[in-house]
Amino acid sequence: MPWYGWLFMALALGSIVGSLLLLRDNAGSNRVSPETIAKVKAREAQLKREDAENDAR
């Protein structure tokens, strides 16, 4: 394989490894506010009630 083939493979591998390292570093940085969590839980409870009403019919 010519030298530029090895260079291309090294760049591709470096890009993959670099992307995985960035993903790992940023994995825990998505903080959700308590208000948003409360809204999501309220909506989930509402959907469960509606689903139970539809199942009862």
PDB file of N, CA and C in Angstrom:
ATOM      1  N   MET A   1       0.851  -1.176   0.000  1.00  0.00           N
ATOM      2  CA  MET A   1       0.000   0.000   0.000  1.00  0.00           C
ATOM      3  C   MET A   1       0.898   1.240   0.000  1.00  0.00           C
ATOM      4  N   PRO A   2       0.573   2.220  -0.822  1.00  0.00           N
ATOM      5  CA  PRO A   2       1.403   3.428  -0.867  1.00  0.00           C
ATOM      6  C   PRO A   2       1.298   4.240   0.426  1.00  0.00           C
ATOM      7  N   TRP A   3       2.233   5.169   0.591  1.00  0.00           N
ATOM      8  CA  TRP A   3       2.311   5.947   1.831  1.00  0.00           C
ATOM      9  C   TRP A   3       1.051   6.767   2.081  1.00  0.00           C
ATOM     10  N   TYR A   4       0.428   7.269   1.023  1.00  0.00           N
ATOM     11  CA  TYR A   4      -0.753   8.098   1.228  1.00  0.00           C
ATOM     12  C   TYR A   4      -1.958   7.258   1.657  1.00  0.00           C
ATOM     13  N   GLY A   5      -1.953   5.975   1.357  1.00  0.00           N
ATOM     14  CA  GLY A   5      -2.993   5.077   1.862  1.00  0.00           C
ATOM     15  C   GLY A   5      -2.887   4.934   3.373  1.00  0.00           C
ATOM     16  N   TRP A   6      -1.653   4.752   3.849  1.00  0.00           N
ATOM     17  CA  TRP A   6      -1.425   4.668   5.292  1.00  0.00           C
ATOM     18  C   TRP A   6      -1.772   5.983   5.980  1.00  0.00           C
ATOM     19  N   LEU A   7      -1.446   7.087   5.327  1.00  0.00           N
ATOM     20  CA  LEU A   7      -1.767   8.400   5.879  1.00  0.00           C
ATOM     21  C   LEU A   7      -3.279   8.578   5.995  1.00  0.00           C
ATOM     22  N   PHE A   8      -4.000   8.204   4.975  1.00  0.00           N
ATOM     23  CA  PHE A   8      -5.455   8.297   4.993  1.00  0.00           C
ATOM     24  C   PHE A   8      -6.044   7.430   6.098  1.00  0.00           C
ATOM     25  N   MET A   9      -5.522   6.225   6.250  1.00  0.00           N
ATOM     26  CA  MET A   9      -6.029   5.327   7.306  1.00  0.00           C
ATOM     27  C   MET A   9      -5.726   5.894   8.687  1.00  0.00           C
ATOM     28  N   ALA A  10      -4.542   6.475   8.872  1.00  0.00           N
ATOM     29  CA  ALA A  10      -4.180   7.062  10.163  1.00  0.00           C
ATOM     30  C   ALA A  10      -5.074   8.262  10.475  1.00  0.00           C
ATOM     31  N   LEU A  11      -5.360   9.095   9.477  1.00  0.00           N
ATOM     32  CA  LEU A  11      -6.247  10.233   9.693  1.00  0.00           C
ATOM     33  C   LEU A  11      -7.673   9.784  10.021  1.00  0.00           C
ATOM     34  N   ALA A  12      -8.150   8.764   9.352  1.00  0.00           N
ATOM     35  CA  ALA A  12      -9.497   8.261   9.613  1.00  0.00           C
ATOM     36  C   ALA A  12      -9.581   7.683  11.030  1.00  0.00           C
ATOM     37  N   LEU A  13      -8.589   6.912  11.424  1.00  0.00           N
ATOM     38  CA  LEU A  13      -8.576   6.339  12.769  1.00  0.00           C
ATOM     39  C   LEU A  13      -8.471   7.432  13.818  1.00  0.00           C
ATOM     40  N   GLY A  14      -7.629   8.434  13.582  1.00  0.00           N
ATOM     41  CA  GLY A  14      -7.501   9.549  14.511  1.00  0.00           C
ATOM     42  C   GLY A  14      -8.800  10.324  14.635  1.00  0.00           C
ATOM     43  N   SER A  15      -9.508  10.492  13.530  1.00  0.00           N
ATOM     44  CA  SER A  15     -10.791  11.192  13.558  1.00  0.00           C
ATOM     45  C   SER A  15     -11.816  10.415  14.377  1.00  0.00           C
ATOM     46  N   ILE A  16     -11.863   9.111  14.212  1.00  0.00           N
ATOM     47  CA  ILE A  16     -12.805   8.278  14.968  1.00  0.00           C
ATOM     48  C   ILE A  16     -12.487   8.321  16.455  1.00  0.00           C
ATOM     49  N   VAL A  17     -11.229   8.138  16.801  1.00  0.00           N
ATOM     50  CA  VAL A  17     -10.831   8.132  18.214  1.00  0.00           C
ATOM     51  C   VAL A  17     -11.069   9.512  18.835  1.00  0.00           C
ATOM     52  N   GLY A  18     -10.744  10.567  18.115  1.00  0.00           N
ATOM     53  CA  GLY A  18     -10.971  11.914  18.627  1.00  0.00           C
ATOM     54  C   GLY A  18     -12.440  12.195  18.861  1.00  0.00           C
ATOM     55  N   SER A  19     -13.294  11.763  17.950  1.00  0.00           N
ATOM     56  CA  SER A  19     -14.732  11.962  18.121  1.00  0.00           C
ATOM     57  C   SER A  19     -15.260  11.194  19.321  1.00  0.00           C
ATOM     58  N   LEU A  20     -14.782   9.977  19.523  1.00  0.00           N
ATOM     59  CA  LEU A  20     -15.218   9.194  20.677  1.00  0.00           C
ATOM     60  C   LEU A  20     -14.769   9.829  21.988  1.00  0.00           C
ATOM     61  N   LEU A  21     -13.560  10.385  22.012  1.00  0.00           N
ATOM     62  CA  LEU A  21     -13.081  11.053  23.220  1.00  0.00           C
ATOM     63  C   LEU A  21     -13.900  12.306  23.522  1.00  0.00           C
ATOM     64  N   LEU A  22     -14.255  13.075  22.490  1.00  0.00           N
ATOM     65  CA  LEU A  22     -15.103  14.250  22.697  1.00  0.00           C
ATOM     66  C   LEU A  22     -16.483  13.846  23.207  1.00  0.00           C
ATOM     67  N   LEU A  23     -17.034  12.786  22.656  1.00  0.00           N
ATOM     68  CA  LEU A  23     -18.339  12.304  23.095  1.00  0.00           C
ATOM     69  C   LEU A  23     -18.291  11.874  24.554  1.00  0.00           C
ATOM     70  N   ARG A  24     -17.229  11.202  24.945  1.00  0.00           N
ATOM     71  CA  ARG A  24     -17.080  10.767  26.334  1.00  0.00           C
ATOM     72  C   ARG A  24     -16.966  11.964  27.279  1.00  0.00           C
ATOM     73  N   ASP A  25     -16.205  12.969  26.876  1.00  0.00           N
ATOM     74  CA  ASP A  25     -16.016  14.151  27.732  1.00  0.00           C
ATOM     75  C   ASP A  25     -17.295  14.953  27.897  1.00  0.00           C
ATOM     76  N   ASN A  26     -18.140  14.996  26.885  1.00  0.00           N
ATOM     77  CA  ASN A  26     -19.350  15.795  26.923  1.00  0.00           C
ATOM     78  C   ASN A  26     -20.580  15.015  27.356  1.00  0.00           C
ATOM     79  N   ALA A  27     -20.430  13.756  27.698  1.00  0.00           N
ATOM     80  CA  ALA A  27     -21.584  12.910  27.981  1.00  0.00           C
ATOM     81  C   ALA A  27     -22.371  13.374  29.203  1.00  0.00           C
ATOM     82  N   GLY A  28     -21.740  13.905  30.229  1.00  0.00           N
ATOM     83  CA  GLY A  28     -22.443  14.282  31.440  1.00  0.00           C
ATOM     84  C   GLY A  28     -22.776  15.753  31.545  1.00  0.00           C
ATOM     85  N   SER A  29     -22.540  16.522  30.499  1.00  0.00           N
ATOM     86  CA  SER A  29     -22.708  17.964  30.607  1.00  0.00           C
ATOM     87  C   SER A  29     -24.102  18.452  30.245  1.00  0.00           C
ATOM     88  N   ASN A  30     -25.025  17.562  29.938  1.00  0.00           N
ATOM     89  CA  ASN A  30     -26.391  17.966  29.594  1.00  0.00           C
ATOM     90  C   ASN A  30     -27.226  18.038  30.855  1.00  0.00           C
ATOM     91  N   ARG A  31     -27.227  19.193  31.474  1.00  0.00           N
ATOM     92  CA  ARG A  31     -27.989  19.388  32.708  1.00  0.00           C
ATOM     93  C   ARG A  31     -29.390  19.866  32.363  1.00  0.00           C
ATOM     94  N   VAL A  32     -30.379  19.307  33.061  1.00  0.00           N
ATOM     95  CA  VAL A  32     -31.773  19.673  32.835  1.00  0.00           C
ATOM     96  C   VAL A  32     -32.278  20.363  34.090  1.00  0.00           C
ATOM     97  N   SER A  33     -32.980  21.476  33.903  1.00  0.00           N
ATOM     98  CA  SER A  33     -33.466  22.239  35.048  1.00  0.00           C
ATOM     99  C   SER A  33     -34.596  21.478  35.750  1.00  0.00           C
ATOM    100  N   PRO A  34     -34.770  21.710  37.049  1.00  0.00           N
ATOM    101  CA  PRO A  34     -35.856  21.049  37.785  1.00  0.00           C
ATOM    102  C   PRO A  34     -37.236  21.368  37.218  1.00  0.00           C
ATOM    103  N   GLU A  35     -37.421  22.589  36.680  1.00  0.00           N
ATOM    104  CA  GLU A  35     -38.716  22.937  36.091  1.00  0.00           C
ATOM    105  C   GLU A  35     -39.016  22.064  34.878  1.00  0.00           C
ATOM    106  N   THR A  36     -38.006  21.824  34.057  1.00  0.00           N
ATOM    107  CA  THR A  36     -38.193  21.000  32.874  1.00  0.00           C
ATOM    108  C   THR A  36     -38.524  19.566  33.271  1.00  0.00           C
ATOM    109  N   ILE A  37     -37.847  19.054  34.279  1.00  0.00           N
ATOM    110  CA  ILE A  37     -38.124  17.702  34.753  1.00  0.00           C
ATOM    111  C   ILE A  37     -39.553  17.611  35.267  1.00  0.00           C
ATOM    112  N   ALA A  38     -40.006  18.619  35.996  1.00  0.00           N
ATOM    113  CA  ALA A  38     -41.374  18.621  36.512  1.00  0.00           C
ATOM    114  C   ALA A  38     -42.380  18.650  35.372  1.00  0.00           C
ATOM    115  N   LYS A  39     -42.127  19.453  34.338  1.00  0.00           N
ATOM    116  CA  LYS A  39     -43.023  19.507  33.191  1.00  0.00           C
ATOM    117  C   LYS A  39     -43.106  18.165  32.476  1.00  0.00           C
ATOM    118  N   VAL A  40     -41.971  17.522  32.312  1.00  0.00           N
ATOM    119  CA  VAL A  40     -41.928  16.227  31.629  1.00  0.00           C
ATOM    120  C   VAL A  40     -42.706  15.188  32.426  1.00  0.00           C
ATOM    121  N   LYS A  41     -42.512  15.167  33.742  1.00  0.00           N
ATOM    122  CA  LYS A  41     -43.218  14.190  34.577  1.00  0.00           C
ATOM    123  C   LYS A  41     -44.722  14.452  34.584  1.00  0.00           C
ATOM    124  N   ALA A  42     -45.121  15.732  34.581  1.00  0.00           N
ATOM    125  CA  ALA A  42     -46.548  16.062  34.542  1.00  0.00           C
ATOM    126  C   ALA A  42     -47.156  15.619  33.216  1.00  0.00           C
ATOM    127  N   ARG A  43     -46.455  15.871  32.128  1.00  0.00           N
ATOM    128  CA  ARG A  43     -46.960  15.457  30.808  1.00  0.00           C
ATOM    129  C   ARG A  43     -47.031  13.939  30.714  1.00  0.00           C
ATOM    130  N   GLU A  44     -46.060  13.254  31.259  1.00  0.00           N
ATOM    131  CA  GLU A  44     -46.056  11.793  31.243  1.00  0.00           C
ATOM    132  C   GLU A  44     -47.242  11.241  32.030  1.00  0.00           C
ATOM    133  N   ALA A  45     -47.518  11.828  33.180  1.00  0.00           N
ATOM    134  CA  ALA A  45     -48.662  11.397  33.985  1.00  0.00           C
ATOM    135  C   ALA A  45     -49.969  11.649  33.237  1.00  0.00           C
ATOM    136  N   GLN A  46     -50.061  12.789  32.558  1.00  0.00           N
ATOM    137  CA  GLN A  46     -51.265  13.093  31.778  1.00  0.00           C
ATOM    138  C   GLN A  46     -51.451  12.072  30.658  1.00  0.00           C
ATOM    139  N   LEU A  47     -50.391  11.731  29.965  1.00  0.00           N
ATOM    140  CA  LEU A  47     -50.487  10.753  28.886  1.00  0.00           C
ATOM    141  C   LEU A  47     -50.882   9.373  29.412  1.00  0.00           C
ATOM    142  N   LYS A  48     -50.389   9.011  30.593  1.00  0.00           N
ATOM    143  CA  LYS A  48     -50.762   7.729  31.181  1.00  0.00           C
ATOM    144  C   LYS A  48     -52.241   7.707  31.539  1.00  0.00           C
ATOM    145  N   ARG A  49     -52.750   8.838  32.079  1.00  0.00           N
ATOM    146  CA  ARG A  49     -54.186   8.922  32.396  1.00  0.00           C
ATOM    147  C   ARG A  49     -55.023   8.794  31.131  1.00  0.00           C
ATOM    148  N   GLU A  50     -54.636   9.516  30.074  1.00  0.00           N
ATOM    149  CA  GLU A  50     -55.375   9.441  28.823  1.00  0.00           C
ATOM    150  C   GLU A  50     -55.337   8.042  28.243  1.00  0.00           C
ATOM    151  N   ASP A  51     -54.198   7.391  28.343  1.00  0.00           N
ATOM    152  CA  ASP A  51     -54.067   6.036  27.840  1.00  0.00           C
ATOM    153  C   ASP A  51     -54.946   5.076  28.626  1.00  0.00           C
ATOM    154  N   ALA A  52     -54.986   5.246  29.943  1.00  0.00           N
ATOM    155  CA  ALA A  52     -55.838   4.391  30.775  1.00  0.00           C
ATOM    156  C   ALA A  52     -57.312   4.621  30.439  1.00  0.00           C
ATOM    157  N   GLU A  53     -57.712   5.862  30.186  1.00  0.00           N
ATOM    158  CA  GLU A  53     -59.094   6.148  29.807  1.00  0.00           C
ATOM    159  C   GLU A  53     -59.429   5.502  28.468  1.00  0.00           C
ATOM    160  N   ASN A  54     -58.512   5.550  27.528  1.00  0.00           N
ATOM    161  CA  ASN A  54     -58.756   4.937  26.215  1.00  0.00           C
ATOM    162  C   ASN A  54     -58.813   3.411  26.311  1.00  0.00           C
ATOM    163  N   ASP A  55     -58.036   2.820  27.194  1.00  0.00           N
ATOM    164  CA  ASP A  55     -58.055   1.370  27.375  1.00  0.00           C
ATOM    165  C   ASP A  55     -59.347   0.920  28.063  1.00  0.00           C
ATOM    166  N   ALA A  56     -59.924   1.770  28.902  1.00  0.00           N
ATOM    167  CA  ALA A  56     -61.137   1.424  29.634  1.00  0.00           C
ATOM    168  C   ALA A  56     -62.355   1.404  28.718  1.00  0.00           C
ATOM    169  N   ARG A  57     -62.284   2.080  27.593  1.00  0.00           N
ATOM    170  CA  ARG A  57     -63.424   2.136  26.674  1.00  0.00           C
ATOM    171  C   ARG A  57     -63.630   0.860  25.932  1.00  0.00           C
TER     172      ARG A  57
END
